[in-house]
Protein backbone atom coordinates (compact mmCIF):
# COMPACT_ATOMS: atom_id res chain seq x y z
CA MET A 1 -2.24 -27.04 21.17
CA SER A 2 -4.92 -25.52 19.23
CA LYS A 3 -4.61 -26.25 14.99
CA ASN A 4 -5.53 -23.96 12.17
CA LYS A 5 -6.28 -24.96 9.60
CA THR A 6 -6.26 -23.41 6.09
CA SER A 7 -10.62 -23.28 5.02
CA GLY A 8 -11.36 -22.70 1.50
CA GLY A 9 -13.58 -25.63 -0.93
CA PHE A 10 -17.44 -25.50 -1.06
CA PRO A 11 -19.63 -27.17 1.86
CA LEU A 12 -20.55 -30.55 -0.07
CA ILE A 13 -24.15 -29.29 0.75
CA VAL A 14 -23.34 -26.41 -1.45
CA SER A 15 -21.60 -28.38 -3.84
CA PHE A 16 -24.31 -30.42 -5.62
CA LEU A 17 -26.01 -27.12 -6.01
CA ALA A 18 -23.35 -25.90 -7.28
CA ILE A 19 -23.85 -28.58 -10.53
CA VAL A 20 -27.34 -28.68 -10.02
CA ILE A 21 -27.89 -24.90 -10.11
CA CYS A 22 -25.03 -25.21 -13.17
CA ILE A 23 -27.21 -28.23 -15.56
CA GLY A 24 -30.37 -25.71 -14.82
CA ILE A 25 -27.93 -22.89 -17.00
CA GLY A 26 -27.04 -25.53 -19.29
CA ILE A 27 -30.83 -25.88 -19.82
CA GLY A 28 -31.27 -22.50 -19.64
CA ILE A 29 -28.92 -22.35 -22.69
CA TYR A 30 -30.09 -24.85 -24.94
CA LYS A 31 -33.51 -23.21 -24.65
CA GLY A 32 -33.16 -19.19 -24.36
CA ILE A 33 -29.63 -18.82 -27.04
CA LEU A 34 -29.37 -22.30 -28.60
CA GLY A 35 -33.15 -23.00 -29.63
CA ALA A 36 -33.56 -19.24 -30.36
CA SER A 37 -36.28 -18.40 -33.38
CA SER A 38 -32.24 -16.94 -35.39
CA ASN A 39 -30.53 -19.77 -35.88
CA PHE A 40 -33.57 -21.77 -37.62
CA ASP A 41 -34.33 -20.61 -41.46
CA ALA A 42 -38.59 -21.10 -42.15
CA GLU A 43 -38.76 -24.80 -42.15
CA GLY A 44 -36.66 -25.26 -38.93
CA HIS A 45 -33.69 -26.03 -40.43
CA PRO A 46 -30.59 -24.90 -38.46
CA HIS A 47 -28.42 -22.37 -40.06
CA ASN A 48 -25.56 -21.84 -37.95
CA ILE A 49 -23.74 -23.89 -35.31
CA LEU A 50 -25.45 -22.66 -32.59
CA GLY A 51 -28.77 -24.43 -34.77
CA THR A 52 -27.15 -27.55 -34.95
CA MET A 53 -26.12 -27.60 -30.60
CA TYR A 54 -29.25 -27.21 -30.25
CA MET A 55 -30.50 -30.47 -33.41
CA GLY A 56 -28.43 -32.65 -30.23
CA GLY A 57 -31.31 -32.90 -27.87
CA PHE A 58 -32.32 -32.85 -24.43
CA ILE A 59 -28.50 -34.62 -23.81
CA VAL A 60 -26.95 -31.27 -24.96
CA PRO A 61 -28.03 -29.09 -22.33
CA ILE A 62 -27.05 -31.90 -19.83
CA LEU A 63 -23.64 -31.87 -21.26
CA ILE A 64 -23.22 -28.09 -20.85
CA GLY A 65 -24.95 -28.39 -17.78
CA PHE A 66 -21.72 -30.58 -16.14
CA PHE A 67 -19.38 -28.71 -18.41
CA LEU A 68 -20.08 -24.80 -16.55
CA THR A 69 -19.60 -27.78 -13.69
CA VAL A 70 -16.29 -28.70 -14.05
CA ILE A 71 -15.03 -24.44 -15.85
CA THR A 72 -17.25 -24.24 -11.67
CA PHE A 73 -15.34 -26.44 -9.53
CA ALA A 74 -11.80 -25.98 -11.85
CA ILE A 75 -12.55 -22.04 -11.10
CA GLU A 76 -12.68 -23.18 -6.98
CA ARG A 77 -9.51 -25.07 -6.88
CA PHE A 78 -7.47 -22.52 -8.39
CA MET A 79 -8.72 -19.61 -5.77
CA THR A 80 -8.32 -22.66 -3.26
CA ILE A 81 -5.49 -23.78 -3.73
CA GLN A 82 -4.01 -20.34 -4.30
CA LYS A 83 -5.07 -19.51 -0.78
CA ALA A 84 -3.25 -22.51 0.41
CA ASN A 85 0.44 -21.96 -1.26
CA GLY A 86 0.25 -18.54 0.81
CA LYS A 87 1.79 -15.59 -0.30
CA GLY A 88 4.74 -15.74 -2.40
CA GLN A 89 7.13 -19.03 -4.01
CA THR A 90 6.58 -22.19 -2.28
CA ASP A 91 10.00 -22.95 -3.00
CA LYS A 92 11.41 -20.15 -1.94
CA PHE A 93 9.92 -19.92 1.64
CA VAL A 94 10.75 -23.16 2.15
CA ALA A 95 14.46 -22.23 1.59
CA ASN A 96 14.46 -19.88 3.95
CA ILE A 97 12.72 -22.20 5.90
CA LYS A 98 15.62 -24.34 6.26
CA SER A 99 18.06 -21.23 6.49
CA LEU A 100 16.21 -19.82 9.83
CA ILE A 101 15.80 -23.10 11.39
CA ALA A 102 19.69 -24.23 10.78
CA ASN A 103 20.74 -20.18 12.85
CA HIS A 104 18.61 -21.12 15.06
CA ASP A 105 15.97 -18.57 14.39
CA PHE A 106 12.58 -19.89 14.53
CA ASP A 107 11.24 -16.14 16.17
CA GLY A 108 12.54 -15.74 12.52
CA ALA A 109 11.12 -18.09 11.13
CA LYS A 110 7.01 -17.91 12.65
CA ALA A 111 7.20 -13.97 11.29
CA ALA A 112 7.47 -15.58 8.16
CA CYS A 113 5.30 -18.02 8.59
CA ASP A 114 3.09 -15.86 9.74
CA ALA A 115 4.17 -13.69 6.17
CA GLN A 116 3.35 -17.02 3.21
CA LYS A 117 0.21 -17.92 4.86
CA GLY A 118 -1.51 -20.92 4.22
CA SER A 119 -1.64 -24.65 4.03
CA LEU A 120 2.22 -25.33 4.58
CA ALA A 121 2.72 -22.12 6.82
CA ASN A 122 0.33 -23.64 8.53
CA VAL A 123 2.47 -26.69 9.05
CA VAL A 124 5.84 -24.96 9.67
CA HIS A 125 4.82 -23.12 11.49
CA GLU A 126 2.71 -26.50 14.36
CA GLY A 127 6.50 -27.53 13.51
CA ILE A 128 8.68 -24.83 15.26
CA ASN A 129 6.16 -23.98 17.58
CA LYS A 130 6.00 -28.59 19.13
CA TYR A 131 10.10 -28.33 18.51
CA GLN A 132 10.28 -25.22 21.37
CA PHE A 133 8.37 -26.79 23.66
CA VAL A 134 9.64 -30.40 23.96
CA GLN A 135 13.10 -28.34 23.30
CA ASN A 136 14.11 -27.96 27.20
CA ASP A 137 11.02 -30.88 28.53
CA ALA A 138 13.39 -32.31 31.18
CA SER A 139 10.98 -35.53 30.92
CA MET A 140 11.18 -36.60 26.97
CA ASP A 141 14.86 -38.36 25.90
CA LYS A 142 15.54 -37.67 22.36
CA GLU A 143 13.73 -39.73 20.80
CA ALA A 144 10.18 -38.81 21.93
CA LYS A 145 10.53 -35.57 21.74
CA VAL A 146 11.52 -36.17 18.04
CA HIS A 147 8.07 -38.27 17.40
CA ALA A 148 6.42 -35.44 19.40
CA ILE A 149 7.58 -33.05 16.53
CA GLN A 150 7.12 -35.85 13.88
CA LYS A 151 3.55 -36.07 15.65
CA SER A 152 2.67 -32.77 15.48
CA LEU A 153 4.21 -32.35 11.90
CA GLU A 154 1.94 -35.05 10.23
CA GLU A 155 -0.99 -34.31 12.26
CA ALA A 156 -0.83 -31.07 11.24
CA THR A 157 -0.25 -31.95 7.88
CA ALA A 158 -3.43 -34.37 7.65
CA LEU A 159 -5.86 -31.05 8.42
CA GLU A 160 -4.40 -29.21 5.36
CA LEU A 161 -4.33 -32.04 2.62
CA PRO A 162 -8.15 -33.05 2.60
CA MET A 163 -9.12 -29.08 2.40
CA LEU A 164 -6.49 -29.24 -0.94
CA SER A 165 -8.22 -32.85 -2.43
CA LYS A 166 -11.55 -31.45 -1.56
CA ASN A 167 -14.02 -31.09 -4.24
CA MET A 168 -11.31 -32.55 -6.85
CA VAL A 169 -13.74 -36.14 -6.93
CA VAL A 170 -15.70 -33.31 -8.95
CA ILE A 171 -13.82 -32.82 -11.26
CA SER A 172 -12.49 -36.64 -11.93
CA THR A 173 -15.79 -37.96 -11.58
CA MET A 174 -16.84 -34.58 -14.58
CA ALA A 175 -14.32 -36.75 -16.41
CA SER A 176 -15.80 -39.88 -16.55
CA ILE A 177 -19.65 -38.71 -17.15
CA GLY A 178 -19.24 -36.65 -19.86
CA THR A 179 -17.63 -38.93 -22.19
CA LEU A 180 -20.47 -41.27 -20.59
CA ALA A 181 -23.31 -39.15 -21.49
CA GLY A 182 -21.82 -37.95 -24.88
CA LEU A 183 -21.62 -41.63 -25.88
CA ILE A 184 -25.38 -41.93 -24.32
CA GLY A 185 -26.42 -38.94 -27.36
CA THR A 186 -24.23 -41.08 -29.87
CA VAL A 187 -26.48 -43.50 -29.35
CA VAL A 188 -29.69 -42.02 -29.08
CA GLY A 189 -29.10 -40.33 -32.30
CA MET A 190 -27.38 -42.83 -34.65
CA ILE A 191 -30.66 -45.09 -34.21
CA ARG A 192 -32.46 -42.05 -34.94
CA ALA A 193 -30.69 -42.44 -37.74
CA PHE A 194 -30.14 -46.00 -38.99
CA ALA A 195 -34.56 -45.75 -38.39
CA ALA A 196 -34.38 -43.14 -40.93
CA LEU A 197 -32.88 -45.17 -43.35
CA ALA A 198 -34.65 -48.05 -42.37
CA ASN A 199 -37.81 -45.73 -43.86
CA ALA A 200 -39.48 -48.02 -46.95
CA GLY A 201 -38.45 -46.47 -50.13
CA ALA A 202 -36.10 -43.49 -49.88
CA PRO A 203 -34.49 -42.59 -47.31
CA ASP A 204 -36.68 -39.14 -44.85
CA THR A 205 -32.97 -37.22 -45.52
CA ALA A 206 -33.86 -34.73 -42.49
CA ALA A 207 -34.13 -36.95 -40.27
CA LEU A 208 -31.12 -39.03 -41.48
CA ALA A 209 -29.31 -35.42 -40.88
CA THR A 210 -30.79 -34.89 -37.02
CA GLY A 211 -29.66 -38.72 -36.17
CA ILE A 212 -26.45 -37.60 -37.67
CA SER A 213 -26.02 -33.87 -36.01
CA GLU A 214 -27.32 -35.23 -33.00
CA ALA A 215 -24.90 -37.65 -32.48
CA LEU A 216 -21.78 -35.64 -34.16
CA VAL A 217 -23.25 -32.67 -30.77
CA ASN A 218 -22.60 -35.06 -28.38
CA THR A 219 -20.00 -36.73 -29.10
CA LEU A 220 -18.41 -33.18 -29.54
CA VAL A 221 -19.06 -32.00 -26.04
CA GLY A 222 -19.27 -35.45 -24.07
CA ILE A 223 -15.17 -35.47 -25.34
CA LEU A 224 -14.68 -31.41 -24.47
CA THR A 225 -16.11 -31.58 -21.23
CA SER A 226 -14.55 -34.99 -20.13
CA ALA A 227 -10.45 -33.04 -22.18
CA PHE A 228 -11.43 -30.18 -20.31
CA ALA A 229 -11.15 -32.28 -16.86
CA ILE A 230 -8.23 -34.49 -16.88
CA ILE A 231 -6.36 -31.43 -17.91
CA PHE A 232 -7.70 -29.21 -14.94
CA TYR A 233 -7.56 -32.42 -12.63
CA ASN A 234 -3.62 -33.15 -13.81
CA LEU A 235 -3.23 -29.28 -12.93
CA PHE A 236 -4.71 -28.76 -10.08
CA SER A 237 -2.93 -32.74 -8.61
CA ASN A 238 -0.04 -31.50 -10.04
CA ARG A 239 -0.14 -28.46 -8.12
CA ILE A 240 -1.24 -29.95 -4.05
CA ASP A 241 1.92 -32.77 -4.35
CA GLN A 242 4.29 -29.83 -4.48
CA ILE A 243 2.54 -27.66 -1.74
CA THR A 244 2.01 -31.81 0.19
CA TYR A 245 6.25 -32.04 -0.58
CA ALA A 246 7.44 -28.94 0.15
CA MET A 247 5.54 -29.59 3.21
CA ASP A 248 7.56 -32.86 3.77
CA GLU A 249 11.00 -31.15 2.69
CA ALA A 250 9.69 -28.50 6.02
CA GLY A 251 9.24 -31.40 8.37
CA PHE A 252 12.05 -32.69 6.97
CA SER A 253 14.03 -30.35 7.96
CA ILE A 254 12.74 -29.37 11.78
CA ILE A 255 13.94 -33.37 12.59
CA GLN A 256 16.88 -33.12 11.36
CA GLU A 257 17.97 -30.05 12.90
CA PHE A 258 16.21 -30.78 16.35
CA GLN A 259 18.50 -34.28 15.67
CA SER A 260 21.26 -32.58 14.95
CA SER A 261 21.29 -29.66 17.66
CA GLY A 262 21.83 -32.47 20.34
CA LYS A 263 19.87 -31.81 23.26
């Protein structure tokens, strides 16, 4: 019996290209917007926040690219998980399915799955199909039938779960390397700051200010990138857990109803 899965998510090559494009856009923003002459005075000193960010150095465009990557994949995950969730509320759908199965209205349950769509509906639909298939199979005992239904539900769930968690690793990775990249920029900036202090005679205040600016800007952008990545990762992980729980709950209802039917 064929099984369908909810499509969604960037393919691997597209995901890689998306990251490269985001970093390219970050470089463009750094040079074209942050580095615009209107952000600096006649002596080349920044006089607004954009100019100050430009003084952050070569790590800033990379961090901007990482931040754009987080936003891009967050949008992609949101759209994919919404599609996997299907139409309508998950809890109401599960309650309706449990009621229909309890009343042995399998056609109505499959119609509800067709209306709901998404990963949860695909798993339930597959479980109901297997239920009906083994129900009148005299060659199998009840234990074998229950095992067949359970296996069908597990296989359907296994088809759906990779799509739900796809590209989550990108977001989690950005949560880590965003902070690390920011720390690299911070270290470089502090090295320049202390180098300015180490100069003979009066400290070079311009070089000192540039070094401190680079350190602080990189820290800020790196922390923002990691913070957004962590928030989105936890948000999507929680939603995936809810969908997975709903799959398990609906599958358990199908198996429990078959066991209590006496067939």
